[in-house]
């Protein structure tokens, strides 16, 4: 996991292809979904569609 907690309550997450490998991006996305109070009903990426809230 990332060593610094992410504080992004009103931020948009932007995808940068090839910035992280698949394992790093999985860990990053997991931390985002576990630590941020999402304000939308769905998070959609090319790999996941999760129900939040």
PDB file of N, CA and C in Angstrom:
ATOM      1  N   UNK A   1       0.835  -1.186   0.000  1.00  0.00           N
ATOM      2  CA  UNK A   1       0.000   0.000   0.000  1.00  0.00           C
ATOM      3  C   UNK A   1       0.879   1.250   0.000  1.00  0.00           C
ATOM      4  N   UNK A   2       0.255   2.341  -0.336  1.00  0.00           N
ATOM      5  CA  UNK A   2       0.971   3.610  -0.304  1.00  0.00           C
ATOM      6  C   UNK A   2       1.283   3.966   1.137  1.00  0.00           C
ATOM      7  N   UNK A   3       2.414   4.614   1.368  1.00  0.00           N
ATOM      8  CA  UNK A   3       2.813   4.928   2.734  1.00  0.00           C
ATOM      9  C   UNK A   3       2.133   6.176   3.279  1.00  0.00           C
ATOM     10  N   UNK A   4       1.582   7.010   2.421  1.00  0.00           N
ATOM     11  CA  UNK A   4       0.923   8.242   2.849  1.00  0.00           C
ATOM     12  C   UNK A   4      -0.566   8.122   2.550  1.00  0.00           C
ATOM     13  N   UNK A   5      -1.433   8.291   3.575  1.00  0.00           N
ATOM     14  CA  UNK A   5      -2.874   8.236   3.309  1.00  0.00           C
ATOM     15  C   UNK A   5      -3.291   9.330   2.329  1.00  0.00           C
ATOM     16  N   UNK A   6      -4.209   9.012   1.463  1.00  0.00           N
ATOM     17  CA  UNK A   6      -4.678   9.976   0.475  1.00  0.00           C
ATOM     18  C   UNK A   6      -5.888  10.720   1.019  1.00  0.00           C
ATOM     19  N   UNK A   7      -5.868  12.032   0.955  1.00  0.00           N
ATOM     20  CA  UNK A   7      -6.977  12.864   1.400  1.00  0.00           C
ATOM     21  C   UNK A   7      -7.544  13.581   0.182  1.00  0.00           C
ATOM     22  N   UNK A   8      -8.479  12.955  -0.513  1.00  0.00           N
ATOM     23  CA  UNK A   8      -9.013  13.489  -1.761  1.00  0.00           C
ATOM     24  C   UNK A   8     -10.543  13.499  -1.755  1.00  0.00           C
ATOM     25  N   UNK A   9     -11.201  14.097  -0.768  1.00  0.00           N
ATOM     26  CA  UNK A   9     -12.654  13.961  -0.667  1.00  0.00           C
ATOM     27  C   UNK A   9     -13.434  14.537  -1.838  1.00  0.00           C
ATOM     28  N   UNK A  10     -12.933  15.561  -2.489  1.00  0.00           N
ATOM     29  CA  UNK A  10     -13.665  16.179  -3.596  1.00  0.00           C
ATOM     30  C   UNK A  10     -12.860  16.174  -4.890  1.00  0.00           C
ATOM     31  N   UNK A  11     -11.942  15.239  -5.014  1.00  0.00           N
ATOM     32  CA  UNK A  11     -11.039  15.221  -6.170  1.00  0.00           C
ATOM     33  C   UNK A  11     -11.522  14.252  -7.233  1.00  0.00           C
ATOM     34  N   UNK A  12     -11.126  14.518  -8.439  1.00  0.00           N
ATOM     35  CA  UNK A  12     -11.309  13.571  -9.528  1.00  0.00           C
ATOM     36  C   UNK A  12     -10.024  12.775  -9.661  1.00  0.00           C
ATOM     37  N   UNK A  13     -10.163  11.505  -9.958  1.00  0.00           N
ATOM     38  CA  UNK A  13      -9.007  10.653 -10.180  1.00  0.00           C
ATOM     39  C   UNK A  13      -8.791  10.570 -11.684  1.00  0.00           C
ATOM     40  N   UNK A  14      -7.588  10.870 -12.108  1.00  0.00           N
ATOM     41  CA  UNK A  14      -7.263  10.879 -13.527  1.00  0.00           C
ATOM     42  C   UNK A  14      -6.346   9.701 -13.823  1.00  0.00           C
ATOM     43  N   UNK A  15      -6.626   8.989 -14.890  1.00  0.00           N
ATOM     44  CA  UNK A  15      -5.839   7.826 -15.279  1.00  0.00           C
ATOM     45  C   UNK A  15      -4.739   8.238 -16.244  1.00  0.00           C
ATOM     46  N   UNK A  16      -3.510   7.870 -15.923  1.00  0.00           N
ATOM     47  CA  UNK A  16      -2.368   8.096 -16.803  1.00  0.00           C
ATOM     48  C   UNK A  16      -1.838   6.736 -17.244  1.00  0.00           C
ATOM     49  N   UNK A  17      -2.094   6.336 -18.475  1.00  0.00           N
ATOM     50  CA  UNK A  17      -1.622   5.026 -18.940  1.00  0.00           C
ATOM     51  C   UNK A  17      -0.107   4.877 -18.760  1.00  0.00           C
ATOM     52  N   UNK A  18       0.301   3.707 -18.349  1.00  0.00           N
ATOM     53  CA  UNK A  18       1.713   3.333 -18.190  1.00  0.00           C
ATOM     54  C   UNK A  18       2.428   4.044 -17.050  1.00  0.00           C
ATOM     55  N   UNK A  19       1.705   4.766 -16.203  1.00  0.00           N
ATOM     56  CA  UNK A  19       2.353   5.399 -15.056  1.00  0.00           C
ATOM     57  C   UNK A  19       2.715   4.349 -13.999  1.00  0.00           C
ATOM     58  N   UNK A  20       1.790   3.437 -13.724  1.00  0.00           N
ATOM     59  CA  UNK A  20       2.012   2.364 -12.760  1.00  0.00           C
ATOM     60  C   UNK A  20       1.823   1.027 -13.464  1.00  0.00           C
ATOM     61  N   UNK A  21       2.521   0.008 -12.963  1.00  0.00           N
ATOM     62  CA  UNK A  21       2.243  -1.313 -13.513  1.00  0.00           C
ATOM     63  C   UNK A  21       0.928  -1.827 -12.915  1.00  0.00           C
ATOM     64  N   UNK A  22       0.461  -2.969 -13.366  1.00  0.00           N
ATOM     65  CA  UNK A  22      -0.848  -3.465 -12.947  1.00  0.00           C
ATOM     66  C   UNK A  22      -0.925  -3.709 -11.443  1.00  0.00           C
ATOM     67  N   UNK A  23       0.126  -4.270 -10.855  1.00  0.00           N
ATOM     68  CA  UNK A  23       0.128  -4.545  -9.423  1.00  0.00           C
ATOM     69  C   UNK A  23       0.087  -3.241  -8.621  1.00  0.00           C
ATOM     70  N   UNK A  24       0.872  -2.246  -9.017  1.00  0.00           N
ATOM     71  CA  UNK A  24       0.865  -0.958  -8.326  1.00  0.00           C
ATOM     72  C   UNK A  24      -0.489  -0.266  -8.459  1.00  0.00           C
ATOM     73  N   UNK A  25      -1.071  -0.317  -9.635  1.00  0.00           N
ATOM     74  CA  UNK A  25      -2.368   0.333  -9.820  1.00  0.00           C
ATOM     75  C   UNK A  25      -3.464  -0.379  -9.031  1.00  0.00           C
ATOM     76  N   UNK A  26      -3.400  -1.703  -8.911  1.00  0.00           N
ATOM     77  CA  UNK A  26      -4.362  -2.434  -8.086  1.00  0.00           C
ATOM     78  C   UNK A  26      -4.279  -1.993  -6.630  1.00  0.00           C
ATOM     79  N   UNK A  27      -3.064  -1.875  -6.097  1.00  0.00           N
ATOM     80  CA  UNK A  27      -2.900  -1.435  -4.709  1.00  0.00           C
ATOM     81  C   UNK A  27      -3.403  -0.012  -4.516  1.00  0.00           C
ATOM     82  N   UNK A  28      -3.085   0.854  -5.460  1.00  0.00           N
ATOM     83  CA  UNK A  28      -3.512   2.247  -5.395  1.00  0.00           C
ATOM     84  C   UNK A  28      -5.041   2.340  -5.420  1.00  0.00           C
ATOM     85  N   UNK A  29      -5.682   1.627  -6.345  1.00  0.00           N
ATOM     86  CA  UNK A  29      -7.133   1.667  -6.457  1.00  0.00           C
ATOM     87  C   UNK A  29      -7.796   1.093  -5.209  1.00  0.00           C
ATOM     88  N   UNK A  30      -7.244   0.023  -4.660  1.00  0.00           N
ATOM     89  CA  UNK A  30      -7.783  -0.551  -3.431  1.00  0.00           C
ATOM     90  C   UNK A  30      -7.734   0.461  -2.299  1.00  0.00           C
ATOM     91  N   UNK A  31      -6.611   1.164  -2.159  1.00  0.00           N
ATOM     92  CA  UNK A  31      -6.521   2.170  -1.105  1.00  0.00           C
ATOM     93  C   UNK A  31      -7.537   3.287  -1.323  1.00  0.00           C
ATOM     94  N   UNK A  32      -7.710   3.709  -2.557  1.00  0.00           N
ATOM     95  CA  UNK A  32      -8.693   4.760  -2.839  1.00  0.00           C
ATOM     96  C   UNK A  32     -10.092   4.330  -2.425  1.00  0.00           C
ATOM     97  N   UNK A  33     -10.482   3.109  -2.774  1.00  0.00           N
ATOM     98  CA  UNK A  33     -11.838   2.657  -2.467  1.00  0.00           C
ATOM     99  C   UNK A  33     -12.043   2.411  -0.978  1.00  0.00           C
ATOM    100  N   UNK A  34     -10.976   2.154  -0.223  1.00  0.00           N
ATOM    101  CA  UNK A  34     -11.104   1.890   1.204  1.00  0.00           C
ATOM    102  C   UNK A  34     -10.972   3.134   2.068  1.00  0.00           C
ATOM    103  N   UNK A  35     -10.375   4.206   1.557  1.00  0.00           N
ATOM    104  CA  UNK A  35     -10.056   5.350   2.415  1.00  0.00           C
ATOM    105  C   UNK A  35     -10.762   6.645   2.055  1.00  0.00           C
ATOM    106  N   UNK A  36     -11.474   6.684   0.949  1.00  0.00           N
ATOM    107  CA  UNK A  36     -12.108   7.933   0.530  1.00  0.00           C
ATOM    108  C   UNK A  36     -13.621   7.800   0.625  1.00  0.00           C
ATOM    109  N   UNK A  37     -14.257   8.820   1.170  1.00  0.00           N
ATOM    110  CA  UNK A  37     -15.711   8.879   1.241  1.00  0.00           C
ATOM    111  C   UNK A  37     -16.227   9.337  -0.119  1.00  0.00           C
ATOM    112  N   UNK A  38     -16.484   8.383  -1.009  1.00  0.00           N
ATOM    113  CA  UNK A  38     -16.890   8.700  -2.380  1.00  0.00           C
ATOM    114  C   UNK A  38     -18.260   9.333  -2.394  1.00  0.00           C
ATOM    115  N   UNK A  39     -18.453  10.312  -3.256  1.00  0.00           N
ATOM    116  CA  UNK A  39     -19.710  11.037  -3.326  1.00  0.00           C
ATOM    117  C   UNK A  39     -20.564  10.623  -4.531  1.00  0.00           C
ATOM    118  N   UNK A  40     -20.128   9.656  -5.291  1.00  0.00           N
ATOM    119  CA  UNK A  40     -20.917   9.168  -6.415  1.00  0.00           C
ATOM    120  C   UNK A  40     -21.350   7.731  -6.141  1.00  0.00           C
ATOM    121  N   UNK A  41     -22.337   7.282  -6.886  1.00  0.00           N
ATOM    122  CA  UNK A  41     -22.863   5.934  -6.682  1.00  0.00           C
ATOM    123  C   UNK A  41     -22.009   4.849  -7.310  1.00  0.00           C
ATOM    124  N   UNK A  42     -21.299   5.187  -8.389  1.00  0.00           N
ATOM    125  CA  UNK A  42     -20.502   4.191  -9.101  1.00  0.00           C
ATOM    126  C   UNK A  42     -19.113   4.726  -9.394  1.00  0.00           C
ATOM    127  N   UNK A  43     -18.135   3.861  -9.301  1.00  0.00           N
ATOM    128  CA  UNK A  43     -16.778   4.152  -9.760  1.00  0.00           C
ATOM    129  C   UNK A  43     -16.572   3.251 -10.971  1.00  0.00           C
ATOM    130  N   UNK A  44     -16.216   3.828 -12.091  1.00  0.00           N
ATOM    131  CA  UNK A  44     -16.038   3.033 -13.300  1.00  0.00           C
ATOM    132  C   UNK A  44     -14.641   3.256 -13.860  1.00  0.00           C
ATOM    133  N   UNK A  45     -13.932   2.176 -14.086  1.00  0.00           N
ATOM    134  CA  UNK A  45     -12.647   2.230 -14.774  1.00  0.00           C
ATOM    135  C   UNK A  45     -12.701   1.199 -15.888  1.00  0.00           C
ATOM    136  N   UNK A  46     -11.642   1.100 -16.624  1.00  0.00           N
ATOM    137  CA  UNK A  46     -11.615   0.098 -17.687  1.00  0.00           C
ATOM    138  C   UNK A  46     -11.599  -1.319 -17.120  1.00  0.00           C
ATOM    139  N   UNK A  47     -11.261  -1.477 -15.839  1.00  0.00           N
ATOM    140  CA  UNK A  47     -11.141  -2.812 -15.252  1.00  0.00           C
ATOM    141  C   UNK A  47     -12.184  -3.107 -14.180  1.00  0.00           C
ATOM    142  N   UNK A  48     -12.760  -2.067 -13.562  1.00  0.00           N
ATOM    143  CA  UNK A  48     -13.671  -2.290 -12.448  1.00  0.00           C
ATOM    144  C   UNK A  48     -14.931  -1.446 -12.584  1.00  0.00           C
ATOM    145  N   UNK A  49     -16.006  -1.939 -12.033  1.00  0.00           N
ATOM    146  CA  UNK A  49     -17.197  -1.125 -11.819  1.00  0.00           C
ATOM    147  C   UNK A  49     -17.707  -1.528 -10.444  1.00  0.00           C
ATOM    148  N   UNK A  50     -17.598  -0.624  -9.486  1.00  0.00           N
ATOM    149  CA  UNK A  50     -17.911  -0.933  -8.097  1.00  0.00           C
ATOM    150  C   UNK A  50     -19.075  -0.091  -7.609  1.00  0.00           C
ATOM    151  N   UNK A  51     -19.901  -0.683  -6.794  1.00  0.00           N
ATOM    152  CA  UNK A  51     -20.943   0.072  -6.120  1.00  0.00           C
ATOM    153  C   UNK A  51     -20.347   0.624  -4.836  1.00  0.00           C
ATOM    154  N   UNK A  52     -20.491   1.914  -4.602  1.00  0.00           N
ATOM    155  CA  UNK A  52     -19.923   2.552  -3.420  1.00  0.00           C
ATOM    156  C   UNK A  52     -21.044   3.163  -2.593  1.00  0.00           C
ATOM    157  N   UNK A  53     -20.804   3.230  -1.276  1.00  0.00           N
ATOM    158  CA  UNK A  53     -21.757   3.897  -0.407  1.00  0.00           C
ATOM    159  C   UNK A  53     -22.725   2.934   0.101  1.00  0.00           C
TER     160      UNK A  53
END
